[in-house]
C-alpha atoms as a PDB file:
ATOM      1  CA  MET A   1     -25.983   7.690 -33.884  1.00  0.00           C
ATOM      2  CA  GLU A   2     -24.960  11.056 -34.074  1.00  0.00           C
ATOM      3  CA  HIS A   3     -24.520  11.315 -30.397  1.00  0.00           C
ATOM      4  CA  LEU A   4     -21.965   8.504 -30.706  1.00  0.00           C
ATOM      5  CA  ARG A   5     -20.284  10.335 -33.181  1.00  0.00           C
ATOM      6  CA  GLU A   6     -19.776  13.317 -30.994  1.00  0.00           C
ATOM      7  CA  MET A   7     -18.610  11.159 -28.394  1.00  0.00           C
ATOM      8  CA  PHE A   8     -16.017   9.515 -30.658  1.00  0.00           C
ATOM      9  CA  LEU A   9     -14.917  12.749 -31.968  1.00  0.00           C
ATOM     10  CA  ASP A  10     -14.506  14.549 -28.254  1.00  0.00           C
ATOM     11  CA  ILE A  11     -12.304  11.388 -27.494  1.00  0.00           C
ATOM     12  CA  ARG A  12     -10.392  11.479 -30.443  1.00  0.00           C
ATOM     13  CA  HIS A  13      -9.611  15.239 -29.820  1.00  0.00           C
ATOM     14  CA  PHE A  14      -8.743  14.597 -26.338  1.00  0.00           C
ATOM     15  CA  ILE A  15      -6.180  12.096 -27.570  1.00  0.00           C
ATOM     16  CA  PHE A  16      -4.843  14.189 -30.332  1.00  0.00           C
ATOM     17  CA  PRO A  17      -5.393  17.518 -29.523  1.00  0.00           C
ATOM     18  CA  ASP A  18      -5.168  20.606 -32.028  1.00  0.00           C
ATOM     19  CA  ASP A  19      -3.910  18.963 -35.229  1.00  0.00           C
ATOM     20  CA  CYS A  20      -2.058  16.084 -33.715  1.00  0.00           C
ATOM     21  CA  TYR A  21      -4.395  13.625 -35.613  1.00  0.00           C
ATOM     22  CA  GLU A  22      -3.756  14.911 -38.820  1.00  0.00           C
ATOM     23  CA  GLU A  23      -0.136  14.993 -38.183  1.00  0.00           C
ATOM     24  CA  LEU A  24       0.333  11.693 -36.530  1.00  0.00           C
ATOM     25  CA  VAL A  25      -2.549   9.328 -38.480  1.00  0.00           C
ATOM     26  CA  THR A  26      -3.219  11.038 -41.653  1.00  0.00           C
ATOM     27  CA  ARG A  27       0.385  12.170 -42.684  1.00  0.00           C
ATOM     28  CA  PHE A  28       2.306   9.761 -40.327  1.00  0.00           C
ATOM     29  CA  ASN A  29       4.490  12.752 -39.061  1.00  0.00           C
ATOM     30  CA  VAL A  30       5.891  11.116 -36.263  1.00  0.00           C
ATOM     31  CA  SER A  31       8.974  13.292 -36.169  1.00  0.00           C
ATOM     32  CA  HIS A  32       6.603  16.056 -35.591  1.00  0.00           C
ATOM     33  CA  PRO A  33       8.257  18.246 -32.426  1.00  0.00           C
ATOM     34  CA  VAL A  34       5.160  18.469 -30.208  1.00  0.00           C
ATOM     35  CA  CYS A  35       2.395  15.725 -31.059  1.00  0.00           C
ATOM     36  CA  PRO A  36       4.326  12.249 -30.359  1.00  0.00           C
ATOM     37  CA  ASN A  37       5.146  13.321 -26.932  1.00  0.00           C
ATOM     38  CA  ILE A  38       1.566  14.865 -26.048  1.00  0.00           C
ATOM     39  CA  VAL A  39      -0.075  11.640 -27.548  1.00  0.00           C
ATOM     40  CA  LEU A  40       1.870   9.670 -25.441  1.00  0.00           C
ATOM     41  CA  SER A  41       1.183  11.507 -22.267  1.00  0.00           C
ATOM     42  CA  ARG A  42      -2.715  11.193 -23.233  1.00  0.00           C
ATOM     43  CA  VAL A  43      -2.763   7.401 -23.488  1.00  0.00           C
ATOM     44  CA  LEU A  44      -0.333   6.828 -20.551  1.00  0.00           C
ATOM     45  CA  GLY A  45      -2.603   9.048 -18.375  1.00  0.00           C
ATOM     46  CA  LEU A  46      -5.489   7.368 -19.650  1.00  0.00           C
ATOM     47  CA  ALA A  47      -4.045   3.916 -18.618  1.00  0.00           C
ATOM     48  CA  ILE A  48      -3.174   4.801 -15.347  1.00  0.00           C
ATOM     49  CA  THR A  49      -6.632   6.016 -14.987  1.00  0.00           C
ATOM     50  CA  ALA A  50      -8.495   2.738 -16.186  1.00  0.00           C
ATOM     51  CA  GLY A  51      -5.929   0.923 -13.896  1.00  0.00           C
ATOM     52  CA  SER A  52      -7.018   2.921 -10.796  1.00  0.00           C
ATOM     53  CA  MET A  53     -11.029   2.344 -11.380  1.00  0.00           C
ATOM     54  CA  ALA A  54     -10.544  -1.180 -10.123  1.00  0.00           C
ATOM     55  CA  LEU A  55      -7.717  -0.780  -7.771  1.00  0.00           C
ATOM     56  CA  PHE A  56      -9.484  -0.991  -4.547  1.00  0.00           C
ATOM     57  CA  ILE A  57     -12.420  -2.960  -5.735  1.00  0.00           C
ATOM     58  CA  PRO A  58     -11.511  -6.380  -4.679  1.00  0.00           C
ATOM     59  CA  GLN A  59     -10.779  -5.024  -0.988  1.00  0.00           C
ATOM     60  CA  ILE A  60     -14.202  -3.397  -1.085  1.00  0.00           C
ATOM     61  CA  LEU A  61     -16.068  -6.653  -2.268  1.00  0.00           C
ATOM     62  CA  LYS A  62     -14.051  -8.637   0.308  1.00  0.00           C
ATOM     63  CA  ILE A  63     -15.424  -6.358   3.121  1.00  0.00           C
ATOM     64  CA  ALA A  64     -18.937  -6.302   1.933  1.00  0.00           C
ATOM     65  CA  ALA A  65     -18.908 -10.213   1.687  1.00  0.00           C
ATOM     66  CA  ALA A  66     -17.619 -10.436   4.960  1.00  0.00           C
ATOM     67  CA  ARG A  67     -19.689  -7.733   6.505  1.00  0.00           C
ATOM     68  CA  SER A  68     -16.103  -7.114   8.441  1.00  0.00           C
ATOM     69  CA  GLY A  69     -13.574  -4.659   8.451  1.00  0.00           C
ATOM     70  CA  LYS A  70     -11.623  -6.669  10.901  1.00  0.00           C
ATOM     71  CA  GLY A  71      -7.709  -6.467  10.276  1.00  0.00           C
ATOM     72  CA  ILE A  72      -7.995  -3.455   8.478  1.00  0.00           C
ATOM     73  CA  SER A  73      -6.812  -0.068  10.140  1.00  0.00           C
ATOM     74  CA  PHE A  74      -9.283   2.677   9.927  1.00  0.00           C
ATOM     75  CA  PRO A  75      -6.506   5.488  10.378  1.00  0.00           C
ATOM     76  CA  ALA A  76      -3.990   3.847   7.915  1.00  0.00           C
ATOM     77  CA  GLN A  77      -6.813   3.909   5.282  1.00  0.00           C
ATOM     78  CA  LEU A  78      -7.585   7.655   6.161  1.00  0.00           C
ATOM     79  CA  LEU A  79      -4.090   8.592   5.899  1.00  0.00           C
ATOM     80  CA  THR A  80      -3.954   6.956   2.724  1.00  0.00           C
ATOM     81  CA  LEU A  81      -6.870   8.614   1.483  1.00  0.00           C
ATOM     82  CA  VAL A  82      -5.504  11.979   2.535  1.00  0.00           C
ATOM     83  CA  GLY A  83      -2.512  11.387   0.710  1.00  0.00           C
ATOM     84  CA  VAL A  84      -4.417  10.402  -2.238  1.00  0.00           C
ATOM     85  CA  ILE A  85      -7.005  13.157  -2.367  1.00  0.00           C
ATOM     86  CA  GLY A  86      -4.386  16.201  -2.589  1.00  0.00           C
ATOM     87  CA  MET A  87      -3.192  15.423  -6.442  1.00  0.00           C
ATOM     88  CA  PRO A  88      -6.371  15.505  -7.950  1.00  0.00           C
ATOM     89  CA  ALA A  89      -8.187  18.312  -5.855  1.00  0.00           C
ATOM     90  CA  TYR A  90      -5.064  20.704  -6.782  1.00  0.00           C
ATOM     91  CA  SER A  91      -4.940  19.281 -10.369  1.00  0.00           C
ATOM     92  CA  TYR A  92      -8.398  20.090 -11.054  1.00  0.00           C
ATOM     93  CA  ASP A  93      -8.126  23.491  -9.644  1.00  0.00           C
ATOM     94  CA  GLN A  94      -5.682  24.208 -11.992  1.00  0.00           C
ATOM     95  CA  GLY A  95      -7.227  23.448 -14.973  1.00  0.00           C
ATOM     96  CA  PHE A  96      -4.950  20.399 -15.743  1.00  0.00           C
ATOM     97  CA  VAL A  97      -6.583  17.838 -17.949  1.00  0.00           C
ATOM     98  CA  PHE A  98      -8.281  14.783 -16.558  1.00  0.00           C
ATOM     99  CA  SER A  99      -5.677  11.997 -17.559  1.00  0.00           C
ATOM    100  CA  GLN A 100      -3.457  13.950 -15.304  1.00  0.00           C
ATOM    101  CA  TRP A 101      -5.478  13.463 -12.063  1.00  0.00           C
ATOM    102  CA  GLY A 102      -8.299  10.879 -12.981  1.00  0.00           C
ATOM    103  CA  ASP A 103      -6.235   8.025 -10.821  1.00  0.00           C
ATOM    104  CA  GLY A 104      -6.212  10.186  -7.944  1.00  0.00           C
ATOM    105  CA  LEU A 105      -9.810  10.798  -8.247  1.00  0.00           C
ATOM    106  CA  PHE A 106     -11.167   7.171  -8.635  1.00  0.00           C
ATOM    107  CA  SER A 107      -8.886   6.196  -5.887  1.00  0.00           C
ATOM    108  CA  ALA A 108     -10.120   8.593  -3.586  1.00  0.00           C
ATOM    109  CA  ILE A 109     -13.585   7.719  -4.074  1.00  0.00           C
ATOM    110  CA  GLN A 110     -13.038   3.794  -3.619  1.00  0.00           C
ATOM    111  CA  LEU A 111     -10.815   4.739  -0.438  1.00  0.00           C
ATOM    112  CA  VAL A 112     -14.047   6.759   1.094  1.00  0.00           C
ATOM    113  CA  ILE A 113     -16.391   3.896   0.354  1.00  0.00           C
ATOM    114  CA  ILE A 114     -13.785   1.414   2.210  1.00  0.00           C
ATOM    115  CA  CYS A 115     -13.618   4.199   5.170  1.00  0.00           C
ATOM    116  CA  MET A 116     -17.168   4.298   5.178  1.00  0.00           C
ATOM    117  CA  GLN A 117     -17.429   0.203   5.122  1.00  0.00           C
ATOM    118  CA  LEU A 118     -14.979   0.180   8.146  1.00  0.00           C
ATOM    119  CA  LEU A 119     -17.158   2.633  10.276  1.00  0.00           C
ATOM    120  CA  TYR A 120     -20.708   0.849   9.478  1.00  0.00           C
ATOM    121  CA  PHE A 121     -19.477  -2.921  10.038  1.00  0.00           C
ATOM    122  CA  ASP A 122     -18.140  -1.717  13.351  1.00  0.00           C
ATOM    123  CA  GLY A 123     -21.718  -0.384  14.474  1.00  0.00           C
ATOM    124  CA  ARG A 124     -20.990   3.141  14.096  1.00  0.00           C
ATOM    125  CA  GLY A 125     -23.528   3.939  11.041  1.00  0.00           C
ATOM    126  CA  MET A 126     -23.867   7.356  11.948  1.00  0.00           C
ATOM    127  CA  PHE A 127     -20.383   7.941  11.761  1.00  0.00           C
ATOM    128  CA  ALA A 128     -20.443   6.644   8.280  1.00  0.00           C
ATOM    129  CA  ALA A 129     -22.856   8.739   7.141  1.00  0.00           C
ATOM    130  CA  VAL A 130     -21.246  12.077   8.664  1.00  0.00           C
ATOM    131  CA  PHE A 131     -17.949  10.878   7.126  1.00  0.00           C
ATOM    132  CA  ALA A 132     -19.487  10.475   3.728  1.00  0.00           C
ATOM    133  CA  ILE A 133     -21.306  13.760   3.899  1.00  0.00           C
ATOM    134  CA  SER A 134     -18.159  15.700   4.861  1.00  0.00           C
ATOM    135  CA  TRP A 135     -15.975  14.333   1.992  1.00  0.00           C
ATOM    136  CA  ALA A 136     -18.911  15.029  -0.414  1.00  0.00           C
ATOM    137  CA  ALA A 137     -19.113  18.731   0.843  1.00  0.00           C
ATOM    138  CA  ALA A 138     -15.380  18.836   0.435  1.00  0.00           C
ATOM    139  CA  ALA A 139     -15.709  17.331  -3.269  1.00  0.00           C
ATOM    140  CA  ILE A 140     -18.232  19.907  -3.816  1.00  0.00           C
ATOM    141  CA  ALA A 141     -16.412  23.039  -2.349  1.00  0.00           C
ATOM    142  CA  VAL A 142     -13.227  21.961  -4.560  1.00  0.00           C
ATOM    143  CA  TYR A 143     -15.579  21.577  -7.659  1.00  0.00           C
ATOM    144  CA  ILE A 144     -17.092  25.085  -7.221  1.00  0.00           C
ATOM    145  CA  HIS A 145     -13.294  26.436  -6.452  1.00  0.00           C
ATOM    146  CA  ALA A 146     -14.309  27.612  -3.210  1.00  0.00           C
ATOM    147  CA  VAL A 147     -11.036  26.283  -1.366  1.00  0.00           C
ATOM    148  CA  PRO A 148      -8.274  28.639  -2.223  1.00  0.00           C
ATOM    149  CA  PRO A 149      -5.521  27.126  -4.448  1.00  0.00           C
ATOM    150  CA  THR A 150      -2.876  27.888  -1.487  1.00  0.00           C
ATOM    151  CA  ILE A 151      -4.880  25.378   0.674  1.00  0.00           C
ATOM    152  CA  LEU A 152      -4.957  22.931  -2.052  1.00  0.00           C
ATOM    153  CA  ALA A 153      -1.465  23.304  -2.757  1.00  0.00           C
ATOM    154  CA  ALA A 154      -0.498  22.858   1.242  1.00  0.00           C
ATOM    155  CA  PHE A 155      -2.707  19.626   1.121  1.00  0.00           C
ATOM    156  CA  LEU A 156      -0.675  18.346  -2.016  1.00  0.00           C
ATOM    157  CA  SER A 157       2.339  18.854  -0.238  1.00  0.00           C
ATOM    158  CA  GLY A 158       1.122  17.460   3.038  1.00  0.00           C
ATOM    159  CA  GLY A 159      -0.352  14.141   1.136  1.00  0.00           C
ATOM    160  CA  THR A 160       3.188  13.705  -0.500  1.00  0.00           C
ATOM    161  CA  ALA A 161       4.714  13.706   3.160  1.00  0.00           C
ATOM    162  CA  ILE A 162       2.521  11.249   4.211  1.00  0.00           C
ATOM    163  CA  VAL A 163       3.257   8.783   1.139  1.00  0.00           C
ATOM    164  CA  ILE A 164       7.063   9.295   1.783  1.00  0.00           C
ATOM    165  CA  VAL A 165       6.749   8.185   5.393  1.00  0.00           C
ATOM    166  CA  ALA A 166       4.610   5.219   4.418  1.00  0.00           C
ATOM    167  CA  LYS A 167       7.271   4.320   1.905  1.00  0.00           C
ATOM    168  CA  ALA A 168      10.135   4.958   4.152  1.00  0.00           C
ATOM    169  CA  ILE A 169       8.593   2.833   6.961  1.00  0.00           C
ATOM    170  CA  GLN A 170       8.216  -0.204   4.334  1.00  0.00           C
ATOM    171  CA  ILE A 171      11.628  -0.070   2.802  1.00  0.00           C
ATOM    172  CA  TYR A 172      13.006  -0.042   6.529  1.00  0.00           C
ATOM    173  CA  GLN A 173      11.062  -3.272   7.257  1.00  0.00           C
ATOM    174  CA  ASN A 174      12.060  -4.944   4.144  1.00  0.00           C
ATOM    175  CA  TRP A 175      15.820  -3.721   4.896  1.00  0.00           C
ATOM    176  CA  SER A 176      15.771  -4.983   8.484  1.00  0.00           C
ATOM    177  CA  GLN A 177      13.918  -8.318   7.633  1.00  0.00           C
ATOM    178  CA  ARG A 178      16.086  -9.033   4.353  1.00  0.00           C
ATOM    179  CA  SER A 179      13.037  -9.962   2.774  1.00  0.00           C
ATOM    180  CA  THR A 180      10.015  -8.519   0.867  1.00  0.00           C
ATOM    181  CA  GLY A 181       7.466 -10.566   2.979  1.00  0.00           C
ATOM    182  CA  GLN A 182       4.039 -10.550   1.802  1.00  0.00           C
ATOM    183  CA  LEU A 183       4.171  -7.774  -0.525  1.00  0.00           C
ATOM    184  CA  ALA A 184       2.771  -8.413  -4.070  1.00  0.00           C
ATOM    185  CA  PHE A 185       5.126  -8.222  -6.756  1.00  0.00           C
ATOM    186  CA  ILE A 186       2.726  -7.252  -9.277  1.00  0.00           C
ATOM    187  CA  THR A 187       1.433  -4.380  -7.270  1.00  0.00           C
ATOM    188  CA  VAL A 188       4.879  -2.906  -6.421  1.00  0.00           C
ATOM    189  CA  LEU A 189       5.633  -3.001 -10.131  1.00  0.00           C
ATOM    190  CA  LEU A 190       2.580  -1.233 -11.278  1.00  0.00           C
ATOM    191  CA  GLN A 191       2.698   1.463  -8.890  1.00  0.00           C
ATOM    192  CA  PHE A 192       6.567   2.036  -9.933  1.00  0.00           C
ATOM    193  CA  ALA A 193       5.655   1.936 -13.672  1.00  0.00           C
ATOM    194  CA  GLY A 194       2.719   4.332 -12.726  1.00  0.00           C
ATOM    195  CA  SER A 195       4.523   6.892 -10.680  1.00  0.00           C
ATOM    196  CA  LEU A 196       7.619   6.690 -13.397  1.00  0.00           C
ATOM    197  CA  ALA A 197       4.807   7.461 -16.189  1.00  0.00           C
ATOM    198  CA  ARG A 198       3.145  10.010 -14.079  1.00  0.00           C
ATOM    199  CA  ILE A 199       6.479  12.190 -14.126  1.00  0.00           C
ATOM    200  CA  PHE A 200       6.379  12.208 -17.881  1.00  0.00           C
ATOM    201  CA  THR A 201       2.672  13.220 -18.093  1.00  0.00           C
ATOM    202  CA  SER A 202       3.146  15.807 -15.831  1.00  0.00           C
ATOM    203  CA  MET A 203       6.201  17.088 -17.449  1.00  0.00           C
ATOM    204  CA  GLN A 204       4.229  17.357 -20.759  1.00  0.00           C
ATOM    205  CA  GLU A 205       0.400  18.422 -19.516  1.00  0.00           C
ATOM    206  CA  THR A 206       1.372  20.800 -16.502  1.00  0.00           C
ATOM    207  CA  HIS A 207       4.844  22.069 -16.486  1.00  0.00           C
ATOM    208  CA  ASP A 208       3.823  22.205 -12.342  1.00  0.00           C
ATOM    209  CA  PHE A 209       6.680  21.767  -9.941  1.00  0.00           C
ATOM    210  CA  GLN A 210       5.009  20.233  -7.442  1.00  0.00           C
ATOM    211  CA  LEU A 211       3.282  17.762  -9.049  1.00  0.00           C
ATOM    212  CA  ILE A 212       6.641  16.863 -10.716  1.00  0.00           C
ATOM    213  CA  MET A 213       8.551  16.541  -7.650  1.00  0.00           C
ATOM    214  CA  ALA A 214       5.310  14.804  -6.283  1.00  0.00           C
ATOM    215  CA  ALA A 215       5.359  12.100  -8.822  1.00  0.00           C
ATOM    216  CA  SER A 216       9.352  12.133  -9.006  1.00  0.00           C
ATOM    217  CA  LEU A 217       9.589  11.373  -4.967  1.00  0.00           C
ATOM    218  CA  ALA A 218       7.076   8.743  -5.536  1.00  0.00           C
ATOM    219  CA  THR A 219       8.930   6.914  -8.097  1.00  0.00           C
ATOM    220  CA  LEU A 220      12.244   6.851  -5.928  1.00  0.00           C
ATOM    221  CA  PHE A 221      10.419   5.229  -3.222  1.00  0.00           C
ATOM    222  CA  ASN A 222       8.429   2.684  -5.296  1.00  0.00           C
ATOM    223  CA  GLY A 223      11.998   2.384  -7.485  1.00  0.00           C
ATOM    224  CA  SER A 224      13.635   1.390  -4.016  1.00  0.00           C
ATOM    225  CA  ILE A 225      10.774  -1.180  -3.028  1.00  0.00           C
ATOM    226  CA  PHE A 226      11.029  -2.753  -6.311  1.00  0.00           C
ATOM    227  CA  ALA A 227      14.998  -2.687  -6.336  1.00  0.00           C
ATOM    228  CA  GLN A 228      14.370  -4.699  -3.135  1.00  0.00           C
ATOM    229  CA  PHE A 229      12.227  -7.336  -4.508  1.00  0.00           C
ATOM    230  CA  LEU A 230      15.024  -8.045  -6.822  1.00  0.00           C
ATOM    231  CA  ILE A 231      17.655  -8.043  -4.317  1.00  0.00           C
ATOM    232  CA  TYR A 232      15.644 -10.354  -1.899  1.00  0.00           C
ATOM    233  CA  TRP A 233      14.560 -12.464  -4.457  1.00  0.00           C
ATOM    234  CA  ASN A 234      13.413 -15.889  -3.384  1.00  0.00           C
ATOM    235  CA  LYS A 235      15.178 -15.318   0.371  1.00  0.00           C
ATOM    236  CA  GLU A 236      12.971 -16.300   3.656  1.00  0.00           C
ATOM    237  CA  LEU A 237      11.721 -13.975   5.957  1.00  0.00           C
ATOM    238  CA  VAL A 238      14.226 -13.245   8.971  1.00  0.00           C
ATOM    239  CA  THR A 239      12.367 -12.795  12.032  1.00  0.00           C
ATOM    240  CA  SER A 240      14.175 -12.042  15.496  1.00  0.00           C
ATOM    241  CA  PRO A 241      15.218 -15.174  17.635  1.00  0.00           C
ATOM    242  CA  ARG A 242      12.759 -14.370  20.003  1.00  0.00           C
ATOM    243  CA  THR A 243      10.313 -15.613  17.701  1.00  0.00           C
ATOM    244  CA  THR A 244      12.201 -18.465  16.003  1.00  0.00           C
ATOM    245  CA  SER A 245      13.615 -19.794  19.805  1.00  0.00           C
ATOM    246  CA  LYS A 246      12.882 -23.333  20.148  1.00  0.00           C
ATOM    247  CA  THR A 247      13.346 -22.931  24.038  1.00  0.00           C
ATOM    248  CA  PRO A 248       9.929 -24.099  25.596  1.00  0.00           C
ATOM    249  CA  SER A 249       7.876 -21.801  27.220  1.00  0.00           C
ATOM    250  CA  PRO A 250       7.615 -21.885  31.311  1.00  0.00           C
ATOM    251  CA  ASN A 251       5.038 -24.578  32.489  1.00  0.00           C
ATOM    252  CA  ARG A 252       4.136 -25.686  29.070  1.00  0.00           C
ATOM    253  CA  ARG A 253       3.665 -29.347  27.857  1.00  0.00           C
ATOM    254  CA  PHE A 254       5.344 -31.218  25.327  1.00  0.00           C
ATOM    255  CA  PRO A 255       5.260 -34.757  24.126  1.00  0.00           C
ATOM    256  CA  THR A 256       8.014 -37.112  25.240  1.00  0.00           C
ATOM    257  CA  SER A 257       9.097 -37.912  21.738  1.00  0.00           C
ATOM    258  CA  GLN A 258      10.207 -34.135  21.248  1.00  0.00           C
ATOM    259  CA  LEU A 259      12.138 -34.359  24.182  1.00  0.00           C
ATOM    260  CA  SER A 260      15.503 -35.556  24.246  1.00  0.00           C
ATOM    261  CA  PRO A 261      16.812 -37.486  27.465  1.00  0.00           C
ATOM    262  CA  LEU A 262      17.709 -35.321  30.349  1.00  0.00           C
ATOM    263  CA  LEU A 263      20.956 -35.823  32.351  1.00  0.00           C
ATOM    264  CA  CYS A 264      20.807 -33.649  35.601  1.00  0.00           C
ATOM    265  CA  ILE A 265      24.020 -34.693  37.695  1.00  0.00           C
ATOM    266  CA  ARG A 266      24.013 -31.475  40.137  1.00  0.00           C
ATOM    267  CA  SER A 267      20.724 -30.895  41.508  1.00  0.00           C
ATOM    268  CA  PRO A 268      18.333 -34.001  42.531  1.00  0.00           C
ATOM    269  CA  ARG A 269      16.036 -31.272  43.817  1.00  0.00           C
ATOM    270  CA  LEU A 270      15.361 -30.554  40.070  1.00  0.00           C
ATOM    271  CA  LEU A 271      14.735 -34.118  39.395  1.00  0.00           C
ATOM    272  CA  SER A 272      12.261 -34.373  41.934  1.00  0.00           C
ATOM    273  CA  GLU A 273      10.127 -30.962  40.359  1.00  0.00           C
ATOM    274  CA  ILE A 274       9.829 -33.064  36.991  1.00  0.00           C
ATOM    275  CA  SER A 275       6.763 -34.830  37.127  1.00  0.00           C
ATOM    276  CA  GLY A 276       5.080 -36.927  33.933  1.00  0.00           C
ATOM    277  CA  ASP A 277       3.254 -40.042  32.557  1.00  0.00           C
ATOM    278  CA  MET A 278       3.612 -41.922  29.979  1.00  0.00           C
ATOM    279  CA  ASP A 279       2.879 -39.459  27.276  1.00  0.00           C
ATOM    280  CA  ARG A 280       4.038 -36.188  28.272  1.00  0.00           C
ATOM    281  CA  LEU A 281       6.229 -34.590  30.703  1.00  0.00           C
ATOM    282  CA  TYR A 282       5.725 -31.457  33.208  1.00  0.00           C
ATOM    283  CA  ILE A 283       8.801 -29.244  33.468  1.00  0.00           C
ATOM    284  CA  PRO A 284       8.067 -26.523  35.912  1.00  0.00           C
ATOM    285  CA  CYS A 285       8.930 -22.974  35.418  1.00  0.00           C
ATOM    286  CA  SER A 286      11.583 -23.172  38.248  1.00  0.00           C
ATOM    287  CA  PHE A 287      13.265 -25.874  36.318  1.00  0.00           C
ATOM    288  CA  TRP A 288      13.849 -23.474  33.159  1.00  0.00           C
ATOM    289  CA  GLU A 289      15.311 -20.356  35.592  1.00  0.00           C
ATOM    290  CA  HIS A 290      17.875 -22.667  37.032  1.00  0.00           C
ATOM    291  CA  ALA A 291      18.685 -25.408  34.979  1.00  0.00           C
ATOM    292  CA  ALA A 292      21.381 -23.654  33.127  1.00  0.00           C
ATOM    293  CA  ASP A 293      23.332 -23.251  36.596  1.00  0.00           C
ATOM    294  CA  ASP A 294      22.070 -26.768  38.133  1.00  0.00           C
ATOM    295  CA  CYS A 295      22.695 -29.206  35.009  1.00  0.00           C
ATOM    296  CA  THR A 296      25.158 -30.192  32.914  1.00  0.00           C
ATOM    297  CA  VAL A 297      22.793 -31.181  30.294  1.00  0.00           C
ATOM    298  CA  VAL A 298      19.579 -29.670  29.739  1.00  0.00           C
ATOM    299  CA  SER A 299      16.520 -31.136  27.893  1.00  0.00           C
ATOM    300  CA  GLN A 300      15.724 -29.299  24.443  1.00  0.00           C
ATOM    301  CA  LEU A 301      13.658 -29.878  21.852  1.00  0.00           C
ATOM    302  CA  LYS A 302      14.925 -31.978  19.047  1.00  0.00           C
END
């Protein structure tokens, strides 16, 4: 019981640092110049961290159930991991509070598991083990402060650049297709809200320019994708003419019910190239190559 009481006091002190508990809860002094903002920052940080704990769990379970990572790009997952790990490593080394970088830590752990799964189920179990050991060694090095702060700062900047490139590609794809495709609205909304809240927590907890800029850029790009959802709401995906063309492929068979009557008045040679039976017509490749020149009316899909 005493242990639980101490744990509760530790949590309370974390959320209400210094004399904020007395100011906000006991005296209800919401006009205090510091405490409301710092408490709000801690609560937001813990909420973001709690959400990140289950962010990739469905993906991990799906890979495990299928015992396959087919369709999931290992390089893409690795780049995502590199983009995520810089923030918690740098923040821990600088001594910032856990709520400021805990979400990045949990996201990184889950991404490491996903990368290991992709290697293992691809028949590269030894590489999966080496991968895990390598990242564990890197985590220990950060934990004991064996990595110079300049390297961690560079890692943070590089991770931010990776995230920006990935978001920019998605924004361009949405714009070119005039649609957000299969993107999940809830996921995009949570990413936008989380990065927006991270600006506030970074300003309140760290006053670190790099972290504030990283959160601001993430908010800008996440907000752009969120805005595209509103702009392209209920709009169908626009595909290229090549993928939507109804022109049949050469040497392809079609039911006669899908073909309109053929009228060819210039080239009897083409008529001799058309063979068929009661159910299907076979149109040779040479017909489609020359029909535009030789025929006044060409058969098309209805």
